[in-house]
Amino acid sequence: MVQYTQYFTEDYKDNIMVSYGANELISSSDFAKKFGSYLLQIKENSVEKLAILKNNKVEAVLVSKKDYEAMSEALKKVEADKIITSIKTGLDDVKKGHTKPISTLWNELDN
């Protein structure tokens, strides 16, 4: 049976939770001593990720290059989608006349 430990990000409002199996949690000192072994585990997909602990807190996570690149591309897409949505919302506001002159904005910010 595999034990799981759950860690939450410090920003709880995002409701992000990541679970780590007992075999995925390693101390930073053990990681330093056995770096090659842990790198091989990631490379061979023996584990999906390795959470490196410092004072019993996850400080870093090691993933494969392939997984990192996939996550990076996914994040870029999410960010691009947010920008596009924001632009579309702004254009809709302009079409509906839900805009104010910039001078009004500056006056509101000054008050």
Protein backbone atom coordinates (compact mmCIF):
# COMPACT_ATOMS: atom_id res chain seq x y z
CA MET A 1 0.00 0.00 0.00
CA VAL A 2 1.30 3.45 -0.95
CA GLN A 3 1.01 6.25 1.57
CA TYR A 4 0.11 9.69 0.30
CA THR A 5 0.93 13.01 1.86
CA GLN A 6 -0.84 16.12 0.65
CA TYR A 7 0.70 19.57 0.49
CA PHE A 8 -1.13 22.79 -0.26
CA THR A 9 0.32 25.86 -1.85
CA GLU A 10 0.70 28.84 0.46
CA ASP A 11 -1.99 30.62 -1.56
CA TYR A 12 -5.07 28.66 -0.47
CA LYS A 13 -7.45 30.81 -2.53
CA ASP A 14 -6.26 29.01 -5.65
CA ASN A 15 -7.34 25.69 -4.12
CA ILE A 16 -4.31 23.94 -5.54
CA MET A 17 -3.50 20.58 -4.05
CA VAL A 18 -0.75 18.19 -5.04
CA SER A 19 -0.42 14.70 -3.64
CA TYR A 20 2.89 12.90 -3.31
CA GLY A 21 3.42 9.21 -2.78
CA ALA A 22 5.77 8.17 0.01
CA ASN A 23 8.30 7.15 -2.66
CA GLU A 24 8.16 10.67 -4.12
CA LEU A 25 9.17 12.52 -0.94
CA ILE A 26 12.90 12.91 -0.29
CA SER A 27 14.95 15.08 2.02
CA SER A 28 17.26 17.63 0.48
CA SER A 29 20.28 15.98 2.11
CA ASP A 30 19.32 12.56 0.73
CA PHE A 31 18.71 14.16 -2.68
CA ALA A 32 22.20 15.67 -2.64
CA LYS A 33 23.80 12.33 -1.70
CA LYS A 34 21.88 10.26 -4.25
CA PHE A 35 21.29 12.77 -7.05
CA GLY A 36 22.23 10.32 -9.83
CA SER A 37 19.87 7.67 -8.52
CA TYR A 38 16.95 10.10 -8.29
CA LEU A 39 17.68 11.51 -11.73
CA LEU A 40 17.59 7.97 -13.13
CA GLN A 41 14.20 7.35 -11.46
CA ILE A 42 12.79 10.41 -13.22
CA LYS A 43 14.45 9.54 -16.53
CA GLU A 44 13.12 5.96 -16.45
CA ASN A 45 9.65 7.11 -15.29
CA SER A 46 9.90 5.02 -12.12
CA VAL A 47 8.27 8.01 -10.43
CA GLU A 48 6.30 10.88 -11.96
CA LYS A 49 7.89 13.50 -9.74
CA LEU A 50 10.15 13.88 -6.73
CA ALA A 51 9.34 16.39 -4.01
CA ILE A 52 12.47 17.65 -2.28
CA LEU A 53 11.89 18.46 1.38
CA LYS A 54 13.69 20.99 3.54
CA ASN A 55 12.58 21.08 7.19
CA ASN A 56 9.67 18.79 6.23
CA LYS A 57 8.32 21.27 3.67
CA VAL A 58 8.32 20.79 -0.09
CA GLU A 59 10.86 23.26 -1.46
CA ALA A 60 11.24 21.95 -5.02
CA VAL A 61 9.85 19.31 -7.34
CA LEU A 62 11.89 17.41 -9.88
CA VAL A 63 10.10 16.28 -13.04
CA SER A 64 11.28 15.00 -16.38
CA LYS A 65 12.27 17.38 -19.15
CA LYS A 66 9.31 16.13 -21.20
CA ASP A 67 6.84 16.81 -18.38
CA TYR A 68 8.35 20.23 -17.68
CA GLU A 69 8.10 21.24 -21.34
CA ALA A 70 4.48 20.02 -21.50
CA MET A 71 3.59 22.00 -18.35
CA SER A 72 5.35 25.08 -19.69
CA GLU A 73 3.44 24.93 -22.97
CA ALA A 74 0.14 24.36 -21.14
CA LEU A 75 0.81 27.41 -18.94
CA LYS A 76 1.58 29.55 -22.00
CA LYS A 77 -1.74 28.51 -23.53
CA VAL A 78 -3.67 29.30 -20.34
CA GLU A 79 -1.98 32.72 -20.11
CA ALA A 80 -2.68 33.45 -23.79
CA ASP A 81 -6.33 32.45 -23.32
CA LYS A 82 -6.62 34.85 -20.36
CA ILE A 83 -5.16 37.70 -22.40
CA ILE A 84 -7.50 37.00 -25.32
CA THR A 85 -10.50 36.87 -22.96
CA SER A 86 -9.46 40.18 -21.39
CA ILE A 87 -9.08 41.82 -24.80
CA LYS A 88 -12.48 40.50 -25.93
CA THR A 89 -14.09 41.81 -22.73
CA GLY A 90 -12.50 45.22 -23.30
CA LEU A 91 -13.68 45.34 -26.91
CA ASP A 92 -17.21 44.37 -25.82
CA ASP A 93 -17.14 47.18 -23.22
CA VAL A 94 -16.13 49.66 -25.94
CA LYS A 95 -18.95 48.46 -28.23
CA LYS A 96 -21.49 48.75 -25.40
CA GLY A 97 -20.26 52.18 -24.40
CA HIS A 98 -19.10 50.99 -20.97
CA THR A 99 -16.02 53.19 -21.09
CA LYS A 100 -14.93 56.47 -19.52
CA PRO A 101 -12.43 59.08 -20.66
CA ILE A 102 -8.94 58.59 -19.21
CA SER A 103 -9.21 61.94 -17.41
CA THR A 104 -12.18 60.57 -15.43
CA LEU A 105 -10.13 57.55 -14.42
CA TRP A 106 -7.25 59.72 -13.18
CA ASN A 107 -9.68 61.89 -11.21
CA GLU A 108 -11.22 58.80 -9.57
CA LEU A 109 -7.78 57.46 -8.68
CA ASP A 110 -6.74 60.76 -7.13
CA ASN A 111 -9.78 60.77 -4.79
